[in-house]
Amino acid sequence: MTDTGTEPRFESVGAVRDGLRDVQYLADEGIAGIVYLADRLQKPILVEGPAGTGKTQLAKSVAELTGARLIRLQCYEGLDESKALFEWNYKKQLLRIQAERGESGGPSWDEVETDIFSDDFLLTRPLLEAIRAEDPVVLLIDEVDRVEVETEALLLEILSDYQVSIPELGTVVAKQIPLVFLTSNNTRELSEALKRRCLYLHVDYPDMDREKEIVLTKVPGVSDALADQVARIVRSLRQLELKKSPSVSESLDWARTLLLLGVETVDAETASSTANILLKYQSDIAKALKEFSTDQNAAKVFAPGPK
């Protein structure tokens, strides 16, 4: 690994946990511990788990906490080197070649070739930008499971040695080690080579008490009782066999919706009329409405929270 002399960002696991809380990210000991170790070991973090559980937000919050610049590579099917790493500005190169040809007694082709394959003609993409950065950087490689297996090879040199090989320029070595987060929604299995280079973190749905705390932190003006009901009802929905369980972000959207509607206590009618905020498939909404209408379930789900 390249030794860049990058100073540790965090003094302890507790400092990570408390710092993230200060930027409104409620991390448990497991999350804080992995972030601390990734910083000290200078290794990337592979964050897996259901969509909407705060994986992307973790990287954003760490960047905010450390004052680092966030560089994000949004992965998608068909992503290639020209969009992830770098490409040459072919139009600018062509204009330069045409200009040189128009000059009598101009430079030789070898001189022109050397010139057009220089930094002035290089278009940096997120991976190369993170490697070349002189300021502190958090690199977020978001939804890495969306790219093809072949594309993962682009990441291996960077995640192993924090360097990039550019044929025309040579090897670009990082001046500082970025803190790297790779997120995955488990849509496909990632390669063993990629996993070996990372620390692993699984972020699941929070338990009811932690989700209530998240709602209280993220939704200004929400009462303790309403936050308790939101967490309780969302938990009950996640226990159903749904095509897509409600995420934490959807819990927050629902809490904000209830607040805007002036709801102080959620009943079956209110939950049914706003179920589309939490659920995005009609079959899931139908199951939720059935859950809300069953007397035994309703008594449990819509029990009043603490005052």
Protein backbone atom coordinates (compact mmCIF):
# COMPACT_ATOMS: atom_id res chain seq x y z
CA MET A 1 0.00 0.00 0.00
CA THR A 2 1.14 3.52 -0.72
CA ASP A 3 2.41 5.35 2.33
CA THR A 4 1.16 8.90 2.07
CA GLY A 5 1.45 9.81 5.72
CA THR A 6 -2.28 10.44 5.96
CA GLU A 7 -3.12 11.36 9.55
CA PRO A 8 -5.88 9.43 11.39
CA ARG A 9 -9.20 11.23 11.34
CA PHE A 10 -10.64 9.81 14.57
CA GLU A 11 -9.24 9.31 18.06
CA SER A 12 -11.57 6.48 19.09
CA VAL A 13 -14.73 4.56 18.26
CA GLY A 14 -16.61 6.79 20.69
CA ALA A 15 -15.40 9.88 18.85
CA VAL A 16 -16.84 8.49 15.62
CA ARG A 17 -20.18 7.66 17.24
CA ASP A 18 -20.49 11.03 18.98
CA GLY A 19 -19.31 12.95 15.92
CA LEU A 20 -21.84 11.25 13.68
CA ARG A 21 -24.58 12.02 16.20
CA ASP A 22 -23.54 15.69 16.01
CA VAL A 23 -24.26 15.63 12.26
CA GLN A 24 -27.56 13.79 12.90
CA TYR A 25 -26.48 10.28 11.91
CA LEU A 26 -27.32 7.83 14.68
CA ALA A 27 -24.64 5.15 14.48
CA ASP A 28 -24.48 2.09 16.69
CA GLU A 29 -21.20 0.63 17.98
CA GLY A 30 -20.86 -1.64 14.95
CA ILE A 31 -21.06 1.20 12.43
CA ALA A 32 -18.80 3.50 14.45
CA GLY A 33 -16.28 0.71 14.95
CA ILE A 34 -15.98 -0.09 11.24
CA VAL A 35 -15.55 3.57 10.30
CA TYR A 36 -12.81 3.92 12.94
CA LEU A 37 -10.99 0.79 11.70
CA ALA A 38 -11.28 1.81 8.04
CA ASP A 39 -9.63 5.12 8.88
CA ARG A 40 -6.81 3.52 10.87
CA LEU A 41 -6.21 0.61 8.48
CA GLN A 42 -6.70 2.78 5.38
CA LYS A 43 -9.11 0.27 3.89
CA PRO A 44 -12.42 0.80 2.05
CA ILE A 45 -15.76 -0.12 3.61
CA LEU A 46 -18.24 -2.27 1.71
CA VAL A 47 -21.66 -1.36 3.10
CA GLU A 48 -24.44 -3.81 2.23
CA GLY A 49 -28.09 -3.94 3.23
CA PRO A 50 -31.62 -3.14 2.10
CA ALA A 51 -32.26 0.04 0.14
CA GLY A 52 -33.04 3.10 2.23
CA THR A 53 -31.26 2.05 5.43
CA GLY A 54 -28.75 4.92 5.46
CA LYS A 55 -25.79 3.41 3.59
CA THR A 56 -25.25 6.40 1.30
CA GLN A 57 -26.01 8.82 4.10
CA LEU A 58 -23.24 7.26 6.21
CA ALA A 59 -20.63 8.33 3.65
CA LYS A 60 -22.16 11.80 3.39
CA SER A 61 -22.23 12.17 7.16
CA VAL A 62 -18.60 11.07 7.56
CA ALA A 63 -17.61 13.65 4.93
CA GLU A 64 -19.55 16.33 6.82
CA LEU A 65 -18.05 15.26 10.13
CA THR A 66 -14.46 15.34 8.87
CA GLY A 67 -14.83 18.41 6.66
CA ALA A 68 -13.75 16.31 3.67
CA ARG A 69 -14.89 16.76 0.09
CA LEU A 70 -17.40 14.12 -0.98
CA ILE A 71 -16.71 12.64 -4.42
CA ARG A 72 -19.49 10.33 -5.62
CA LEU A 73 -19.44 7.72 -8.35
CA GLN A 74 -23.02 6.61 -9.03
CA CYS A 75 -22.83 3.12 -10.49
CA TYR A 76 -25.15 1.82 -13.20
CA GLU A 77 -25.24 -0.93 -15.79
CA GLY A 78 -22.86 -0.06 -18.63
CA LEU A 79 -20.55 2.14 -16.53
CA ASP A 80 -17.08 2.03 -18.09
CA GLU A 81 -13.61 3.48 -17.62
CA SER A 82 -14.40 6.70 -19.49
CA LYS A 83 -17.15 7.58 -17.00
CA ALA A 84 -15.56 6.17 -13.84
CA LEU A 85 -11.85 6.88 -14.22
CA PHE A 86 -10.83 9.22 -17.03
CA GLU A 87 -11.03 9.94 -20.75
CA TRP A 88 -9.16 12.13 -23.17
CA ASN A 89 -10.75 15.30 -24.51
CA TYR A 90 -10.76 14.14 -28.12
CA LYS A 91 -12.33 17.31 -29.54
CA LYS A 92 -9.68 19.47 -27.90
CA GLN A 93 -6.94 17.11 -29.08
CA LEU A 94 -8.25 17.26 -32.66
CA LEU A 95 -8.35 21.04 -32.61
CA ARG A 96 -4.76 21.12 -31.35
CA ILE A 97 -3.62 18.74 -34.11
CA GLN A 98 -5.39 20.82 -36.77
CA ALA A 99 -3.86 24.01 -35.41
CA GLU A 100 -0.35 22.52 -35.47
CA ARG A 101 -0.80 21.25 -39.02
CA GLY A 102 -1.75 24.74 -40.11
CA GLU A 103 1.59 26.15 -38.98
CA SER A 104 4.51 26.04 -41.40
CA GLY A 105 7.53 24.38 -39.86
CA GLY A 106 5.38 23.16 -36.96
CA PRO A 107 6.41 20.51 -34.43
CA SER A 108 6.87 16.85 -35.32
CA TRP A 109 4.16 14.27 -34.70
CA ASP A 110 6.11 12.90 -31.71
CA GLU A 111 6.10 16.36 -30.15
CA VAL A 112 2.39 16.84 -30.87
CA GLU A 113 1.55 13.38 -29.50
CA THR A 114 3.40 14.10 -26.26
CA ASP A 115 1.60 17.40 -25.92
CA ILE A 116 -1.95 16.19 -26.56
CA PHE A 117 -1.60 13.35 -24.04
CA SER A 118 -0.95 15.71 -21.13
CA ASP A 119 -2.98 16.97 -18.20
CA ASP A 120 -4.41 19.80 -20.29
CA PHE A 121 -6.35 17.26 -22.35
CA LEU A 122 -7.32 14.88 -19.54
CA LEU A 123 -10.95 14.72 -18.35
CA THR A 124 -10.90 13.33 -14.82
CA ARG A 125 -13.81 11.26 -13.54
CA PRO A 126 -14.64 10.49 -9.88
CA LEU A 127 -12.08 7.70 -9.28
CA LEU A 128 -9.13 9.62 -10.70
CA GLU A 129 -10.33 12.85 -9.10
CA ALA A 130 -10.27 11.18 -5.67
CA ILE A 131 -6.76 9.80 -6.25
CA ARG A 132 -5.35 13.12 -7.45
CA ALA A 133 -6.99 15.23 -4.75
CA GLU A 134 -4.66 17.04 -2.39
CA ASP A 135 -7.43 17.94 0.06
CA PRO A 136 -9.16 15.35 2.32
CA VAL A 137 -11.67 13.27 0.36
CA VAL A 138 -14.47 10.79 1.06
CA LEU A 139 -15.03 8.67 -2.05
CA LEU A 140 -18.52 7.18 -2.34
CA ILE A 141 -18.91 4.38 -4.90
CA ASP A 142 -22.68 4.07 -4.73
CA GLU A 143 -24.63 0.91 -5.68
CA VAL A 144 -21.55 -0.95 -6.89
CA ASP A 145 -23.68 -4.08 -7.37
CA ARG A 146 -25.29 -2.43 -10.42
CA VAL A 147 -22.15 -2.65 -12.59
CA GLU A 148 -21.01 -5.72 -14.51
CA VAL A 149 -18.44 -8.03 -12.97
CA GLU A 150 -15.86 -6.91 -15.54
CA THR A 151 -16.20 -3.31 -14.45
CA GLU A 152 -15.18 -4.20 -10.90
CA ALA A 153 -11.64 -4.67 -12.24
CA LEU A 154 -11.43 -0.88 -12.57
CA LEU A 155 -11.67 -0.61 -8.80
CA LEU A 156 -9.13 -3.23 -7.77
CA GLU A 157 -5.91 -1.25 -8.31
CA ILE A 158 -7.40 1.80 -6.62
CA LEU A 159 -8.68 -0.12 -3.61
CA SER A 160 -5.44 -2.10 -3.22
CA ASP A 161 -2.76 0.56 -3.65
CA TYR A 162 -4.64 3.86 -4.03
CA GLN A 163 -3.08 4.46 -7.41
CA VAL A 164 -4.17 4.53 -11.05
CA SER A 165 -2.22 3.53 -14.15
CA ILE A 166 -2.70 5.76 -17.19
CA PRO A 167 -0.80 4.36 -20.19
CA GLU A 168 0.10 7.76 -21.64
CA LEU A 169 1.05 9.38 -18.30
CA GLY A 170 2.23 6.53 -16.10
CA THR A 171 1.11 5.72 -12.57
CA VAL A 172 -0.74 8.34 -10.56
CA VAL A 173 -0.24 7.71 -6.84
CA ALA A 174 -2.57 9.17 -4.21
CA LYS A 175 -1.19 12.13 -2.28
CA GLN A 176 -3.59 11.35 0.55
CA ILE A 177 -5.63 8.23 1.27
CA PRO A 178 -9.35 8.89 0.68
CA LEU A 179 -11.86 7.25 2.98
CA VAL A 180 -13.79 4.99 0.61
CA PHE A 181 -17.36 3.70 0.95
CA LEU A 182 -18.84 1.19 -1.48
CA THR A 183 -22.57 0.59 -1.10
CA SER A 184 -24.53 -2.41 -2.32
CA ASN A 185 -28.22 -3.36 -2.24
CA ASN A 186 -27.36 -7.05 -2.82
CA THR A 187 -28.86 -7.18 -6.31
CA ARG A 188 -25.98 -9.49 -7.27
CA GLU A 189 -23.01 -11.15 -5.60
CA LEU A 190 -19.83 -9.09 -5.70
CA SER A 191 -16.50 -10.66 -6.64
CA GLU A 192 -14.25 -12.19 -4.00
CA ALA A 193 -11.37 -9.99 -5.20
CA LEU A 194 -13.38 -6.85 -4.45
CA LYS A 195 -14.60 -8.11 -1.08
CA ARG A 196 -11.06 -9.02 0.05
CA ARG A 197 -9.99 -5.41 -0.29
CA CYS A 198 -12.74 -4.06 1.95
CA LEU A 199 -13.94 -4.09 5.51
CA TYR A 200 -17.51 -5.35 5.60
CA LEU A 201 -20.49 -3.63 7.18
CA HIS A 202 -24.11 -4.75 7.00
CA VAL A 203 -26.65 -2.00 7.69
CA ASP A 204 -30.09 -3.44 8.35
CA TYR A 205 -33.36 -1.85 9.34
CA PRO A 206 -33.02 -0.33 12.81
CA ASP A 207 -34.84 -1.76 15.80
CA MET A 208 -37.96 0.05 16.96
CA ASP A 209 -36.28 2.21 19.62
CA ARG A 210 -33.51 3.34 17.27
CA GLU A 211 -35.97 4.10 14.48
CA LYS A 212 -38.02 6.19 16.88
CA GLU A 213 -34.86 8.09 17.81
CA ILE A 214 -34.06 8.63 14.13
CA VAL A 215 -37.56 10.04 13.53
CA LEU A 216 -37.22 12.38 16.51
CA THR A 217 -33.81 13.55 15.26
CA LYS A 218 -34.69 13.99 11.59
CA VAL A 219 -38.26 15.34 11.77
CA PRO A 220 -38.41 18.66 13.64
CA GLY A 221 -41.62 19.17 15.57
CA VAL A 222 -42.67 15.53 15.76
CA SER A 223 -43.92 14.47 19.19
CA ASP A 224 -42.50 11.56 21.16
CA ALA A 225 -45.88 9.78 20.94
CA LEU A 226 -46.15 10.16 17.16
CA ALA A 227 -42.54 9.05 16.61
CA ASP A 228 -43.27 5.99 18.74
CA GLN A 229 -46.32 5.12 16.65
CA VAL A 230 -44.47 5.61 13.37
CA ALA A 231 -41.70 3.25 14.51
CA ARG A 232 -44.21 0.71 15.82
CA ILE A 233 -46.36 0.66 12.66
CA VAL A 234 -43.39 0.53 10.30
CA ARG A 235 -41.95 -2.37 12.27
CA SER A 236 -45.23 -4.27 11.96
CA LEU A 237 -45.25 -3.72 8.18
CA ARG A 238 -41.70 -5.03 7.81
CA GLN A 239 -42.82 -8.29 9.41
CA LEU A 240 -45.22 -8.88 6.50
CA GLU A 241 -44.19 -10.62 3.27
CA LEU A 242 -43.91 -7.54 1.08
CA LYS A 243 -42.30 -6.94 -2.29
CA LYS A 244 -40.52 -3.96 -0.75
CA SER A 245 -40.50 -3.19 2.95
CA PRO A 246 -40.64 0.47 3.96
CA SER A 247 -37.18 1.99 4.30
CA VAL A 248 -36.00 4.40 6.96
CA SER A 249 -36.24 7.25 4.48
CA GLU A 250 -39.87 6.32 3.84
CA SER A 251 -40.53 6.24 7.59
CA LEU A 252 -39.24 9.80 7.75
CA ASP A 253 -41.38 10.84 4.78
CA TRP A 254 -44.42 9.34 6.50
CA ALA A 255 -43.67 11.13 9.77
CA ARG A 256 -43.35 14.43 7.89
CA THR A 257 -46.62 13.71 6.08
CA LEU A 258 -48.48 13.03 9.34
CA LEU A 259 -47.02 16.22 10.80
CA LEU A 260 -48.17 18.26 7.80
CA LEU A 261 -51.67 16.77 8.11
CA GLY A 262 -51.82 17.74 11.77
CA VAL A 263 -52.06 14.12 12.94
CA GLU A 264 -51.29 13.65 16.63
CA THR A 265 -52.33 10.01 16.96
CA VAL A 266 -52.37 7.51 14.10
CA ASP A 267 -55.49 5.36 13.75
CA ALA A 268 -56.40 2.72 11.18
CA GLU A 269 -58.13 5.24 8.92
CA THR A 270 -55.15 7.61 8.88
CA ALA A 271 -52.68 4.78 8.30
CA SER A 272 -54.77 3.38 5.45
CA SER A 273 -55.17 6.72 3.70
CA THR A 274 -51.42 7.45 3.83
CA ALA A 275 -50.09 3.93 3.25
CA ASN A 276 -48.87 4.94 -0.23
CA ILE A 277 -46.19 7.09 1.44
CA LEU A 278 -44.66 3.97 3.01
CA LEU A 279 -45.38 1.36 0.35
CA LYS A 280 -44.85 1.54 -3.41
CA TYR A 281 -46.61 -1.60 -4.68
CA GLN A 282 -50.39 -2.04 -4.75
CA SER A 283 -50.10 -5.62 -3.53
CA ASP A 284 -48.11 -4.39 -0.51
CA ILE A 285 -50.66 -1.67 0.21
CA ALA A 286 -53.45 -4.27 0.11
CA LYS A 287 -51.61 -6.40 2.68
CA ALA A 288 -51.08 -3.35 4.88
CA LEU A 289 -54.76 -2.38 4.76
CA LYS A 290 -55.68 -5.91 5.80
CA GLU A 291 -53.19 -5.67 8.66
CA PHE A 292 -54.65 -2.35 9.78
CA SER A 293 -58.24 -3.61 9.69
CA THR A 294 -57.70 -6.73 11.79
CA ASP A 295 -58.90 -6.01 15.32
CA GLN A 296 -56.11 -7.90 17.06
CA ASN A 297 -53.40 -6.30 14.95
CA ALA A 298 -54.95 -2.85 15.16
CA ALA A 299 -54.98 -2.98 18.94
CA LYS A 300 -51.27 -3.75 18.94
CA VAL A 301 -50.17 -1.48 16.11
CA PHE A 302 -52.22 1.59 17.00
CA ALA A 303 -51.66 1.47 20.73
CA PRO A 304 -50.95 5.00 21.99
CA GLY A 305 -47.29 5.79 22.50
CA PRO A 306 -45.69 7.53 25.49
CA LYS A 307 -46.90 10.96 26.37
